[in-house]
Amino acid sequence: MTITRNKLVFYVSNFLKASKPINHGLKIDLSAYPPDRRLCVYSYLVEYLNRTWGSQLLETTLFVSYKKPHSRVSVSTVGRKLRTIMQRAGVNVNLFKPHYCRASCRASN
């Protein structure tokens, strides 16, 4: 991950589930959105990194538990949190599962 004044860049070099041997490097750019800080992913991630900095020194993952010993969170924990967010946003979580977010994000790019 690289942090600049108005952008976060994530580099995923590991093979992902659907990666081909030739094309396995992934770069994710998250730019600041100055018009509305409430919609700015950059601002939220920078704040999260500031609050969890000491915990992340021991981990190489972005998401760490807020409970001691502050280890990485599991895939199921991320899925549960995402399902809660989807439900609060009014999405029918019986019809649309957290995994669908991945497909919809890729379709919008």
PDB file of N, CA and C in Angstrom:
ATOM      1  N   MET A   1       0.839  -1.167   0.000  1.00  0.00           N
ATOM      2  CA  MET A   1       0.000   0.000   0.000  1.00  0.00           C
ATOM      3  C   MET A   1       0.887   1.234   0.000  1.00  0.00           C
ATOM      4  N   THR A   2       0.486   2.205  -0.799  1.00  0.00           N
ATOM      5  CA  THR A   2       1.170   3.493  -0.840  1.00  0.00           C
ATOM      6  C   THR A   2       0.156   4.579  -0.506  1.00  0.00           C
ATOM      7  N   ILE A   3       0.544   5.502   0.372  1.00  0.00           N
ATOM      8  CA  ILE A   3      -0.338   6.598   0.756  1.00  0.00           C
ATOM      9  C   ILE A   3       0.279   7.902   0.289  1.00  0.00           C
ATOM     10  N   THR A   4      -0.498   8.689  -0.452  1.00  0.00           N
ATOM     11  CA  THR A   4      -0.085  10.036  -0.819  1.00  0.00           C
ATOM     12  C   THR A   4      -1.080  11.014  -0.205  1.00  0.00           C
ATOM     13  N   ARG A   5      -0.926  12.272  -0.540  1.00  0.00           N
ATOM     14  CA  ARG A   5      -1.781  13.302   0.055  1.00  0.00           C
ATOM     15  C   ARG A   5      -3.246  13.158  -0.344  1.00  0.00           C
ATOM     16  N   ASN A   6      -3.526  12.579  -1.498  1.00  0.00           N
ATOM     17  CA  ASN A   6      -4.913  12.466  -1.935  1.00  0.00           C
ATOM     18  C   ASN A   6      -5.258  11.120  -2.583  1.00  0.00           C
ATOM     19  N   LYS A   7      -4.430  10.115  -2.331  1.00  0.00           N
ATOM     20  CA  LYS A   7      -4.701   8.814  -2.948  1.00  0.00           C
ATOM     21  C   LYS A   7      -4.077   7.682  -2.138  1.00  0.00           C
ATOM     22  N   LEU A   8      -4.796   6.560  -2.073  1.00  0.00           N
ATOM     23  CA  LEU A   8      -4.275   5.312  -1.523  1.00  0.00           C
ATOM     24  C   LEU A   8      -4.167   4.334  -2.684  1.00  0.00           C
ATOM     25  N   VAL A   9      -3.039   3.663  -2.796  1.00  0.00           N
ATOM     26  CA  VAL A   9      -2.851   2.685  -3.855  1.00  0.00           C
ATOM     27  C   VAL A   9      -2.499   1.351  -3.203  1.00  0.00           C
ATOM     28  N   PHE A  10      -3.300   0.344  -3.506  1.00  0.00           N
ATOM     29  CA  PHE A  10      -3.053  -1.000  -3.001  1.00  0.00           C
ATOM     30  C   PHE A  10      -2.514  -1.850  -4.139  1.00  0.00           C
ATOM     31  N   TYR A  11      -1.478  -2.615  -3.850  1.00  0.00           N
ATOM     32  CA  TYR A  11      -0.893  -3.544  -4.810  1.00  0.00           C
ATOM     33  C   TYR A  11      -1.099  -4.948  -4.267  1.00  0.00           C
ATOM     34  N   VAL A  12      -1.827  -5.762  -5.007  1.00  0.00           N
ATOM     35  CA  VAL A  12      -2.070  -7.147  -4.610  1.00  0.00           C
ATOM     36  C   VAL A  12      -1.222  -8.016  -5.529  1.00  0.00           C
ATOM     37  N   SER A  13      -0.176  -8.588  -4.981  1.00  0.00           N
ATOM     38  CA  SER A  13       0.725  -9.396  -5.799  1.00  0.00           C
ATOM     39  C   SER A  13       0.459 -10.890  -5.670  1.00  0.00           C
ATOM     40  N   ASN A  14      -0.316 -11.284  -4.677  1.00  0.00           N
ATOM     41  CA  ASN A  14      -0.620 -12.697  -4.493  1.00  0.00           C
ATOM     42  C   ASN A  14      -1.613 -13.161  -5.550  1.00  0.00           C
ATOM     43  N   PHE A  15      -1.603 -14.443  -5.817  1.00  0.00           N
ATOM     44  CA  PHE A  15      -2.588 -15.013  -6.720  1.00  0.00           C
ATOM     45  C   PHE A  15      -3.948 -14.985  -6.045  1.00  0.00           C
ATOM     46  N   LEU A  16      -4.924 -14.490  -6.764  1.00  0.00           N
ATOM     47  CA  LEU A  16      -6.287 -14.503  -6.273  1.00  0.00           C
ATOM     48  C   LEU A  16      -6.996 -15.718  -6.846  1.00  0.00           C
ATOM     49  N   LYS A  17      -8.208 -15.977  -6.389  1.00  0.00           N
ATOM     50  CA  LYS A  17      -8.945 -17.167  -6.791  1.00  0.00           C
ATOM     51  C   LYS A  17      -9.058 -17.299  -8.314  1.00  0.00           C
ATOM     52  N   ALA A  18      -9.294 -16.175  -8.991  1.00  0.00           N
ATOM     53  CA  ALA A  18      -9.517 -16.212 -10.435  1.00  0.00           C
ATOM     54  C   ALA A  18      -8.318 -15.698 -11.233  1.00  0.00           C
ATOM     55  N   SER A  19      -7.138 -15.651 -10.627  1.00  0.00           N
ATOM     56  CA  SER A  19      -5.955 -15.114 -11.307  1.00  0.00           C
ATOM     57  C   SER A  19      -5.369 -16.110 -12.293  1.00  0.00           C
ATOM     58  N   LYS A  20      -4.898 -15.589 -13.398  1.00  0.00           N
ATOM     59  CA  LYS A  20      -4.144 -16.395 -14.350  1.00  0.00           C
ATOM     60  C   LYS A  20      -2.668 -16.145 -14.074  1.00  0.00           C
ATOM     61  N   PRO A  21      -1.803 -17.115 -14.343  1.00  0.00           N
ATOM     62  CA  PRO A  21      -0.378 -16.929 -14.057  1.00  0.00           C
ATOM     63  C   PRO A  21       0.233 -15.690 -14.727  1.00  0.00           C
ATOM     64  N   ILE A  22      -0.280 -15.318 -15.880  1.00  0.00           N
ATOM     65  CA  ILE A  22       0.269 -14.168 -16.590  1.00  0.00           C
ATOM     66  C   ILE A  22      -0.220 -12.857 -15.983  1.00  0.00           C
ATOM     67  N   ASN A  23      -1.441 -12.847 -15.453  1.00  0.00           N
ATOM     68  CA  ASN A  23      -2.078 -11.613 -15.024  1.00  0.00           C
ATOM     69  C   ASN A  23      -2.501 -11.710 -13.564  1.00  0.00           C
ATOM     70  N   HIS A  24      -1.552 -11.654 -12.646  1.00  0.00           N
ATOM     71  CA  HIS A  24      -1.924 -11.784 -11.244  1.00  0.00           C
ATOM     72  C   HIS A  24      -1.648 -10.536 -10.429  1.00  0.00           C
ATOM     73  N   GLY A  25      -1.063  -9.498 -11.006  1.00  0.00           N
ATOM     74  CA  GLY A  25      -0.846  -8.253 -10.278  1.00  0.00           C
ATOM     75  C   GLY A  25      -2.081  -7.377 -10.356  1.00  0.00           C
ATOM     76  N   LEU A  26      -2.527  -6.884  -9.224  1.00  0.00           N
ATOM     77  CA  LEU A  26      -3.725  -6.056  -9.174  1.00  0.00           C
ATOM     78  C   LEU A  26      -3.378  -4.749  -8.488  1.00  0.00           C
ATOM     79  N   LYS A  27      -3.785  -3.635  -9.073  1.00  0.00           N
ATOM     80  CA  LYS A  27      -3.544  -2.309  -8.505  1.00  0.00           C
ATOM     81  C   LYS A  27      -4.895  -1.651  -8.267  1.00  0.00           C
ATOM     82  N   ILE A  28      -5.137  -1.185  -7.053  1.00  0.00           N
ATOM     83  CA  ILE A  28      -6.390  -0.542  -6.697  1.00  0.00           C
ATOM     84  C   ILE A  28      -6.086   0.885  -6.252  1.00  0.00           C
ATOM     85  N   ASP A  29      -6.608   1.867  -6.974  1.00  0.00           N
ATOM     86  CA  ASP A  29      -6.435   3.281  -6.637  1.00  0.00           C
ATOM     87  C   ASP A  29      -7.700   3.792  -5.952  1.00  0.00           C
ATOM     88  N   LEU A  30      -7.539   4.392  -4.785  1.00  0.00           N
ATOM     89  CA  LEU A  30      -8.661   5.019  -4.097  1.00  0.00           C
ATOM     90  C   LEU A  30      -8.307   6.489  -3.888  1.00  0.00           C
ATOM     91  N   SER A  31      -8.930   7.356  -4.664  1.00  0.00           N
ATOM     92  CA  SER A  31      -8.635   8.785  -4.603  1.00  0.00           C
ATOM     93  C   SER A  31      -9.562   9.486  -3.620  1.00  0.00           C
ATOM     94  N   ALA A  32      -9.093  10.599  -3.100  1.00  0.00           N
ATOM     95  CA  ALA A  32      -9.897  11.421  -2.201  1.00  0.00           C
ATOM     96  C   ALA A  32     -11.074  12.005  -2.965  1.00  0.00           C
ATOM     97  N   TYR A  33     -12.158  12.262  -2.253  1.00  0.00           N
ATOM     98  CA  TYR A  33     -13.348  12.870  -2.843  1.00  0.00           C
ATOM     99  C   TYR A  33     -13.681  14.127  -2.045  1.00  0.00           C
ATOM    100  N   PRO A  34     -13.018  15.247  -2.355  1.00  0.00           N
ATOM    101  CA  PRO A  34     -13.191  16.479  -1.581  1.00  0.00           C
ATOM    102  C   PRO A  34     -14.607  17.056  -1.536  1.00  0.00           C
ATOM    103  N   PRO A  35     -15.457  16.889  -2.564  1.00  0.00           N
ATOM    104  CA  PRO A  35     -16.784  17.507  -2.483  1.00  0.00           C
ATOM    105  C   PRO A  35     -17.627  17.056  -1.286  1.00  0.00           C
ATOM    106  N   ASP A  36     -17.471  15.818  -0.844  1.00  0.00           N
ATOM    107  CA  ASP A  36     -18.260  15.324   0.288  1.00  0.00           C
ATOM    108  C   ASP A  36     -17.443  14.314   1.082  1.00  0.00           C
ATOM    109  N   ARG A  37     -16.936  14.742   2.210  1.00  0.00           N
ATOM    110  CA  ARG A  37     -16.083  13.884   3.041  1.00  0.00           C
ATOM    111  C   ARG A  37     -16.814  12.631   3.522  1.00  0.00           C
ATOM    112  N   ARG A  38     -18.134  12.705   3.644  1.00  0.00           N
ATOM    113  CA  ARG A  38     -18.912  11.542   4.091  1.00  0.00           C
ATOM    114  C   ARG A  38     -18.881  10.415   3.072  1.00  0.00           C
ATOM    115  N   LEU A  39     -18.612  10.736   1.812  1.00  0.00           N
ATOM    116  CA  LEU A  39     -18.540   9.737   0.750  1.00  0.00           C
ATOM    117  C   LEU A  39     -17.105   9.391   0.366  1.00  0.00           C
ATOM    118  N   CYS A  40     -16.154   9.948   1.083  1.00  0.00           N
ATOM    119  CA  CYS A  40     -14.746   9.814   0.726  1.00  0.00           C
ATOM    120  C   CYS A  40     -14.119   8.573   1.377  1.00  0.00           C
ATOM    121  N   VAL A  41     -13.918   7.531   0.591  1.00  0.00           N
ATOM    122  CA  VAL A  41     -13.310   6.289   1.083  1.00  0.00           C
ATOM    123  C   VAL A  41     -11.891   6.565   1.577  1.00  0.00           C
ATOM    124  N   TYR A  42     -11.180   7.428   0.876  1.00  0.00           N
ATOM    125  CA  TYR A  42      -9.808   7.785   1.252  1.00  0.00           C
ATOM    126  C   TYR A  42      -9.764   8.303   2.697  1.00  0.00           C
ATOM    127  N   SER A  43     -10.642   9.240   3.041  1.00  0.00           N
ATOM    128  CA  SER A  43     -10.649   9.819   4.394  1.00  0.00           C
ATOM    129  C   SER A  43     -10.912   8.762   5.457  1.00  0.00           C
ATOM    130  N   TYR A  44     -11.887   7.878   5.187  1.00  0.00           N
ATOM    131  CA  TYR A  44     -12.207   6.838   6.153  1.00  0.00           C
ATOM    132  C   TYR A  44     -11.047   5.855   6.329  1.00  0.00           C
ATOM    133  N   LEU A  45     -10.405   5.479   5.236  1.00  0.00           N
ATOM    134  CA  LEU A  45      -9.286   4.535   5.344  1.00  0.00           C
ATOM    135  C   LEU A  45      -8.082   5.150   6.044  1.00  0.00           C
ATOM    136  N   VAL A  46      -7.800   6.418   5.770  1.00  0.00           N
ATOM    137  CA  VAL A  46      -6.683   7.081   6.452  1.00  0.00           C
ATOM    138  C   VAL A  46      -6.963   7.164   7.951  1.00  0.00           C
ATOM    139  N   GLU A  47      -8.191   7.483   8.322  1.00  0.00           N
ATOM    140  CA  GLU A  47      -8.556   7.528   9.745  1.00  0.00           C
ATOM    141  C   GLU A  47      -8.436   6.141  10.376  1.00  0.00           C
ATOM    142  N   TYR A  48      -8.905   5.113   9.677  1.00  0.00           N
ATOM    143  CA  TYR A  48      -8.797   3.737  10.170  1.00  0.00           C
ATOM    144  C   TYR A  48      -7.329   3.351  10.367  1.00  0.00           C
ATOM    145  N   LEU A  49      -6.499   3.694   9.406  1.00  0.00           N
ATOM    146  CA  LEU A  49      -5.074   3.369   9.517  1.00  0.00           C
ATOM    147  C   LEU A  49      -4.431   4.109  10.686  1.00  0.00           C
ATOM    148  N   ASN A  50      -4.818   5.355  10.905  1.00  0.00           N
ATOM    149  CA  ASN A  50      -4.282   6.113  12.043  1.00  0.00           C
ATOM    150  C   ASN A  50      -4.691   5.477  13.367  1.00  0.00           C
ATOM    151  N   ARG A  51      -5.923   5.020  13.448  1.00  0.00           N
ATOM    152  CA  ARG A  51      -6.417   4.425  14.705  1.00  0.00           C
ATOM    153  C   ARG A  51      -5.859   3.031  14.962  1.00  0.00           C
ATOM    154  N   THR A  52      -5.508   2.301  13.916  1.00  0.00           N
ATOM    155  CA  THR A  52      -5.039   0.923  14.095  1.00  0.00           C
ATOM    156  C   THR A  52      -3.547   0.772  13.829  1.00  0.00           C
ATOM    157  N   TRP A  53      -2.820   1.843  13.702  1.00  0.00           N
ATOM    158  CA  TRP A  53      -1.411   1.787  13.306  1.00  0.00           C
ATOM    159  C   TRP A  53      -0.594   0.824  14.159  1.00  0.00           C
ATOM    160  N   GLY A  54      -0.669   0.925  15.462  1.00  0.00           N
ATOM    161  CA  GLY A  54       0.112   0.047  16.339  1.00  0.00           C
ATOM    162  C   GLY A  54      -0.243  -1.414  16.169  1.00  0.00           C
ATOM    163  N   SER A  55      -1.522  -1.693  15.932  1.00  0.00           N
ATOM    164  CA  SER A  55      -1.977  -3.067  15.761  1.00  0.00           C
ATOM    165  C   SER A  55      -1.501  -3.658  14.444  1.00  0.00           C
ATOM    166  N   GLN A  56      -1.399  -2.828  13.422  1.00  0.00           N
ATOM    167  CA  GLN A  56      -1.068  -3.340  12.100  1.00  0.00           C
ATOM    168  C   GLN A  56       0.422  -3.600  11.910  1.00  0.00           C
ATOM    169  N   LEU A  57       1.233  -3.159  12.827  1.00  0.00           N
ATOM    170  CA  LEU A  57       2.661  -3.419  12.698  1.00  0.00           C
ATOM    171  C   LEU A  57       2.952  -4.912  12.740  1.00  0.00           C
ATOM    172  N   LEU A  58       2.093  -5.659  13.413  1.00  0.00           N
ATOM    173  CA  LEU A  58       2.299  -7.098  13.535  1.00  0.00           C
ATOM    174  C   LEU A  58       1.614  -7.884  12.416  1.00  0.00           C
ATOM    175  N   GLU A  59       0.724  -7.240  11.693  1.00  0.00           N
ATOM    176  CA  GLU A  59      -0.045  -7.911  10.651  1.00  0.00           C
ATOM    177  C   GLU A  59       0.278  -7.317   9.287  1.00  0.00           C
ATOM    178  N   THR A  60       0.058  -8.109   8.252  1.00  0.00           N
ATOM    179  CA  THR A  60       0.261  -7.620   6.892  1.00  0.00           C
ATOM    180  C   THR A  60      -1.071  -7.487   6.160  1.00  0.00           C
ATOM    181  N   THR A  61      -2.171  -7.528   6.887  1.00  0.00           N
ATOM    182  CA  THR A  61      -3.487  -7.376   6.297  1.00  0.00           C
ATOM    183  C   THR A  61      -4.070  -6.029   6.687  1.00  0.00           C
ATOM    184  N   LEU A  62      -5.029  -5.562   5.914  1.00  0.00           N
ATOM    185  CA  LEU A  62      -5.647  -4.261   6.178  1.00  0.00           C
ATOM    186  C   LEU A  62      -6.558  -4.318   7.391  1.00  0.00           C
ATOM    187  N   PHE A  63      -7.382  -5.346   7.480  1.00  0.00           N
ATOM    188  CA  PHE A  63      -8.367  -5.405   8.550  1.00  0.00           C
ATOM    189  C   PHE A  63      -7.854  -6.212   9.732  1.00  0.00           C
ATOM    190  N   VAL A  64      -7.813  -5.556  10.894  1.00  0.00           N
ATOM    191  CA  VAL A  64      -7.401  -6.216  12.128  1.00  0.00           C
ATOM    192  C   VAL A  64      -8.523  -6.077  13.150  1.00  0.00           C
ATOM    193  N   SER A  65      -8.584  -7.011  14.064  1.00  0.00           N
ATOM    194  CA  SER A  65      -9.614  -7.017  15.090  1.00  0.00           C
ATOM    195  C   SER A  65      -9.393  -5.874  16.073  1.00  0.00           C
ATOM    196  N   TYR A  66     -10.485  -5.304  16.569  1.00  0.00           N
ATOM    197  CA  TYR A  66     -10.364  -4.259  17.581  1.00  0.00           C
ATOM    198  C   TYR A  66     -10.223  -4.848  18.980  1.00  0.00           C
ATOM    199  N   LYS A  67     -10.392  -6.164  19.099  1.00  0.00           N
ATOM    200  CA  LYS A  67     -10.207  -6.845  20.376  1.00  0.00           C
ATOM    201  C   LYS A  67      -8.789  -7.397  20.448  1.00  0.00           C
ATOM    202  N   LYS A  68      -8.214  -7.381  21.627  1.00  0.00           N
ATOM    203  CA  LYS A  68      -6.875  -7.933  21.804  1.00  0.00           C
ATOM    204  C   LYS A  68      -6.921  -9.415  21.510  1.00  0.00           C
ATOM    205  N   PRO A  69      -5.938  -9.952  20.856  1.00  0.00           N
ATOM    206  CA  PRO A  69      -4.595  -9.468  20.552  1.00  0.00           C
ATOM    207  C   PRO A  69      -4.486  -8.747  19.210  1.00  0.00           C
ATOM    208  N   HIS A  70      -5.587  -8.194  18.665  1.00  0.00           N
ATOM    209  CA  HIS A  70      -5.576  -7.399  17.436  1.00  0.00           C
ATOM    210  C   HIS A  70      -4.978  -8.147  16.250  1.00  0.00           C
ATOM    211  N   SER A  71      -5.431  -9.370  16.059  1.00  0.00           N
ATOM    212  CA  SER A  71      -4.954 -10.150  14.921  1.00  0.00           C
ATOM    213  C   SER A  71      -5.846  -9.903  13.713  1.00  0.00           C
ATOM    214  N   ARG A  72      -5.463 -10.470  12.576  1.00  0.00           N
ATOM    215  CA  ARG A  72      -6.255 -10.274  11.355  1.00  0.00           C
ATOM    216  C   ARG A  72      -7.647 -10.851  11.529  1.00  0.00           C
ATOM    217  N   VAL A  73      -8.613 -10.247  10.863  1.00  0.00           N
ATOM    218  CA  VAL A  73      -9.983 -10.756  10.937  1.00  0.00           C
ATOM    219  C   VAL A  73     -10.167 -11.832   9.873  1.00  0.00           C
ATOM    220  N   SER A  74     -11.101 -12.725  10.125  1.00  0.00           N
ATOM    221  CA  SER A  74     -11.332 -13.827   9.201  1.00  0.00           C
ATOM    222  C   SER A  74     -12.242 -13.388   8.054  1.00  0.00           C
ATOM    223  N   VAL A  75     -12.296 -14.206   7.033  1.00  0.00           N
ATOM    224  CA  VAL A  75     -13.158 -13.947   5.887  1.00  0.00           C
ATOM    225  C   VAL A  75     -14.617 -13.920   6.333  1.00  0.00           C
ATOM    226  N   SER A  76     -14.995 -14.813   7.242  1.00  0.00           N
ATOM    227  CA  SER A  76     -16.385 -14.854   7.702  1.00  0.00           C
ATOM    228  C   SER A  76     -16.752 -13.584   8.475  1.00  0.00           C
ATOM    229  N   THR A  77     -15.820 -13.010   9.219  1.00  0.00           N
ATOM    230  CA  THR A  77     -16.072 -11.750   9.930  1.00  0.00           C
ATOM    231  C   THR A  77     -16.337 -10.622   8.951  1.00  0.00           C
ATOM    232  N   VAL A  78     -15.534 -10.526   7.901  1.00  0.00           N
ATOM    233  CA  VAL A  78     -15.738  -9.503   6.883  1.00  0.00           C
ATOM    234  C   VAL A  78     -17.083  -9.707   6.205  1.00  0.00           C
ATOM    235  N   GLY A  79     -17.441 -10.953   5.915  1.00  0.00           N
ATOM    236  CA  GLY A  79     -18.728 -11.255   5.305  1.00  0.00           C
ATOM    237  C   GLY A  79     -19.896 -10.846   6.187  1.00  0.00           C
ATOM    238  N   ARG A  80     -19.811 -11.118   7.490  1.00  0.00           N
ATOM    239  CA  ARG A  80     -20.871 -10.727   8.428  1.00  0.00           C
ATOM    240  C   ARG A  80     -21.028  -9.217   8.480  1.00  0.00           C
ATOM    241  N   LYS A  81     -19.906  -8.507   8.554  1.00  0.00           N
ATOM    242  CA  LYS A  81     -19.952  -7.034   8.598  1.00  0.00           C
ATOM    243  C   LYS A  81     -20.554  -6.481   7.315  1.00  0.00           C
ATOM    244  N   LEU A  82     -20.158  -7.037   6.184  1.00  0.00           N
ATOM    245  CA  LEU A  82     -20.664  -6.583   4.896  1.00  0.00           C
ATOM    246  C   LEU A  82     -22.166  -6.854   4.777  1.00  0.00           C
ATOM    247  N   ARG A  83     -22.611  -8.006   5.267  1.00  0.00           N
ATOM    248  CA  ARG A  83     -24.037  -8.331   5.249  1.00  0.00           C
ATOM    249  C   ARG A  83     -24.825  -7.325   6.094  1.00  0.00           C
ATOM    250  N   THR A  84     -24.297  -6.947   7.248  1.00  0.00           N
ATOM    251  CA  THR A  84     -24.957  -5.960   8.098  1.00  0.00           C
ATOM    252  C   THR A  84     -25.068  -4.614   7.388  1.00  0.00           C
ATOM    253  N   ILE A  85     -23.993  -4.198   6.728  1.00  0.00           N
ATOM    254  CA  ILE A  85     -24.000  -2.928   5.995  1.00  0.00           C
ATOM    255  C   ILE A  85     -25.020  -2.975   4.863  1.00  0.00           C
ATOM    256  N   MET A  86     -25.056  -4.082   4.138  1.00  0.00           N
ATOM    257  CA  MET A  86     -26.012  -4.227   3.041  1.00  0.00           C
ATOM    258  C   MET A  86     -27.451  -4.157   3.562  1.00  0.00           C
ATOM    259  N   GLN A  87     -27.697  -4.816   4.676  1.00  0.00           N
ATOM    260  CA  GLN A  87     -29.034  -4.841   5.255  1.00  0.00           C
ATOM    261  C   GLN A  87     -29.451  -3.437   5.702  1.00  0.00           C
ATOM    262  N   ARG A  88     -28.550  -2.709   6.336  1.00  0.00           N
ATOM    263  CA  ARG A  88     -28.852  -1.340   6.771  1.00  0.00           C
ATOM    264  C   ARG A  88     -29.078  -0.405   5.587  1.00  0.00           C
ATOM    265  N   ALA A  89     -28.489  -0.737   4.442  1.00  0.00           N
ATOM    266  CA  ALA A  89     -28.671   0.075   3.234  1.00  0.00           C
ATOM    267  C   ALA A  89     -29.959  -0.287   2.500  1.00  0.00           C
ATOM    268  N   GLY A  90     -30.690  -1.266   3.019  1.00  0.00           N
ATOM    269  CA  GLY A  90     -31.964  -1.628   2.419  1.00  0.00           C
ATOM    270  C   GLY A  90     -31.894  -2.747   1.400  1.00  0.00           C
ATOM    271  N   VAL A  91     -30.767  -3.422   1.306  1.00  0.00           N
ATOM    272  CA  VAL A  91     -30.619  -4.527   0.367  1.00  0.00           C
ATOM    273  C   VAL A  91     -31.217  -5.791   0.986  1.00  0.00           C
ATOM    274  N   ASN A  92     -31.957  -6.548   0.198  1.00  0.00           N
ATOM    275  CA  ASN A  92     -32.538  -7.810   0.657  1.00  0.00           C
ATOM    276  C   ASN A  92     -31.406  -8.842   0.753  1.00  0.00           C
ATOM    277  N   VAL A  93     -30.913  -9.087   1.973  1.00  0.00           N
ATOM    278  CA  VAL A  93     -29.771  -9.981   2.152  1.00  0.00           C
ATOM    279  C   VAL A  93     -30.152 -11.451   2.020  1.00  0.00           C
ATOM    280  N   ASN A  94     -31.455 -11.750   1.931  1.00  0.00           N
ATOM    281  CA  ASN A  94     -31.872 -13.122   1.642  1.00  0.00           C
ATOM    282  C   ASN A  94     -31.714 -13.421   0.158  1.00  0.00           C
ATOM    283  N   LEU A  95     -31.768 -12.376  -0.646  1.00  0.00           N
ATOM    284  CA  LEU A  95     -31.638 -12.526  -2.087  1.00  0.00           C
ATOM    285  C   LEU A  95     -30.205 -12.236  -2.554  1.00  0.00           C
ATOM    286  N   PHE A  96     -29.590 -11.198  -1.997  1.00  0.00           N
ATOM    287  CA  PHE A  96     -28.233 -10.789  -2.386  1.00  0.00           C
ATOM    288  C   PHE A  96     -27.265 -11.028  -1.233  1.00  0.00           C
ATOM    289  N   LYS A  97     -26.278 -11.844  -1.468  1.00  0.00           N
ATOM    290  CA  LYS A  97     -25.290 -12.187  -0.450  1.00  0.00           C
ATOM    291  C   LYS A  97     -24.077 -11.257  -0.560  1.00  0.00           C
ATOM    292  N   PRO A  98     -23.240 -11.165   0.473  1.00  0.00           N
ATOM    293  CA  PRO A  98     -22.052 -10.296   0.411  1.00  0.00           C
ATOM    294  C   PRO A  98     -21.147 -10.574  -0.787  1.00  0.00           C
ATOM    295  N   HIS A  99     -21.111 -11.818  -1.243  1.00  0.00           N
ATOM    296  CA  HIS A  99     -20.258 -12.156  -2.385  1.00  0.00           C
ATOM    297  C   HIS A  99     -20.671 -11.401  -3.649  1.00  0.00           C
ATOM    298  N   TYR A 100     -21.953 -11.048  -3.752  1.00  0.00           N
ATOM    299  CA  TYR A 100     -22.435 -10.317  -4.920  1.00  0.00           C
ATOM    300  C   TYR A 100     -21.802  -8.933  -5.026  1.00  0.00           C
ATOM    301  N   CYS A 101     -21.354  -8.365  -3.917  1.00  0.00           N
ATOM    302  CA  CYS A 101     -20.716  -7.045  -3.951  1.00  0.00           C
ATOM    303  C   CYS A 101     -19.481  -7.073  -4.830  1.00  0.00           C
ATOM    304  N   ARG A 102     -18.749  -8.149  -4.783  1.00  0.00           N
ATOM    305  CA  ARG A 102     -17.543  -8.267  -5.601  1.00  0.00           C
ATOM    306  C   ARG A 102     -17.892  -8.191  -7.083  1.00  0.00           C
ATOM    307  N   ALA A 103     -18.922  -8.924  -7.487  1.00  0.00           N
ATOM    308  CA  ALA A 103     -19.327  -8.927  -8.888  1.00  0.00           C
ATOM    309  C   ALA A 103     -19.853  -7.564  -9.301  1.00  0.00           C
ATOM    310  N   SER A 104     -20.630  -6.905  -8.451  1.00  0.00           N
ATOM    311  CA  SER A 104     -21.182  -5.609  -8.825  1.00  0.00           C
ATOM    312  C   SER A 104     -20.090  -4.539  -8.877  1.00  0.00           C
ATOM    313  N   CYS A 105     -19.079  -4.651  -8.048  1.00  0.00           N
ATOM    314  CA  CYS A 105     -17.963  -3.693  -8.101  1.00  0.00           C
ATOM    315  C   CYS A 105     -17.184  -3.868  -9.396  1.00  0.00           C
ATOM    316  N   ARG A 106     -16.945  -5.102  -9.805  1.00  0.00           N
ATOM    317  CA  ARG A 106     -16.215  -5.342 -11.040  1.00  0.00           C
ATOM    318  C   ARG A 106     -17.022  -4.898 -12.247  1.00  0.00           C
ATOM    319  N   ALA A 107     -18.353  -5.060 -12.194  1.00  0.00           N
ATOM    320  CA  ALA A 107     -19.200  -4.672 -13.321  1.00  0.00           C
ATOM    321  C   ALA A 107     -19.234  -3.162 -13.509  1.00  0.00           C
ATOM    322  N   SER A 108     -19.062  -2.421 -12.406  1.00  0.00           N
ATOM    323  CA  SER A 108     -19.113  -0.961 -12.516  1.00  0.00           C
ATOM    324  C   SER A 108     -17.803  -0.362 -12.999  1.00  0.00           C
ATOM    325  N   ASN A 109     -16.724  -1.144 -13.036  1.00  0.00           N
ATOM    326  CA  ASN A 109     -15.421  -0.607 -13.479  1.00  0.00           C
ATOM    327  C   ASN A 109     -15.245  -0.672 -14.957  1.00  0.00           C
TER     328      ASN A 109
END
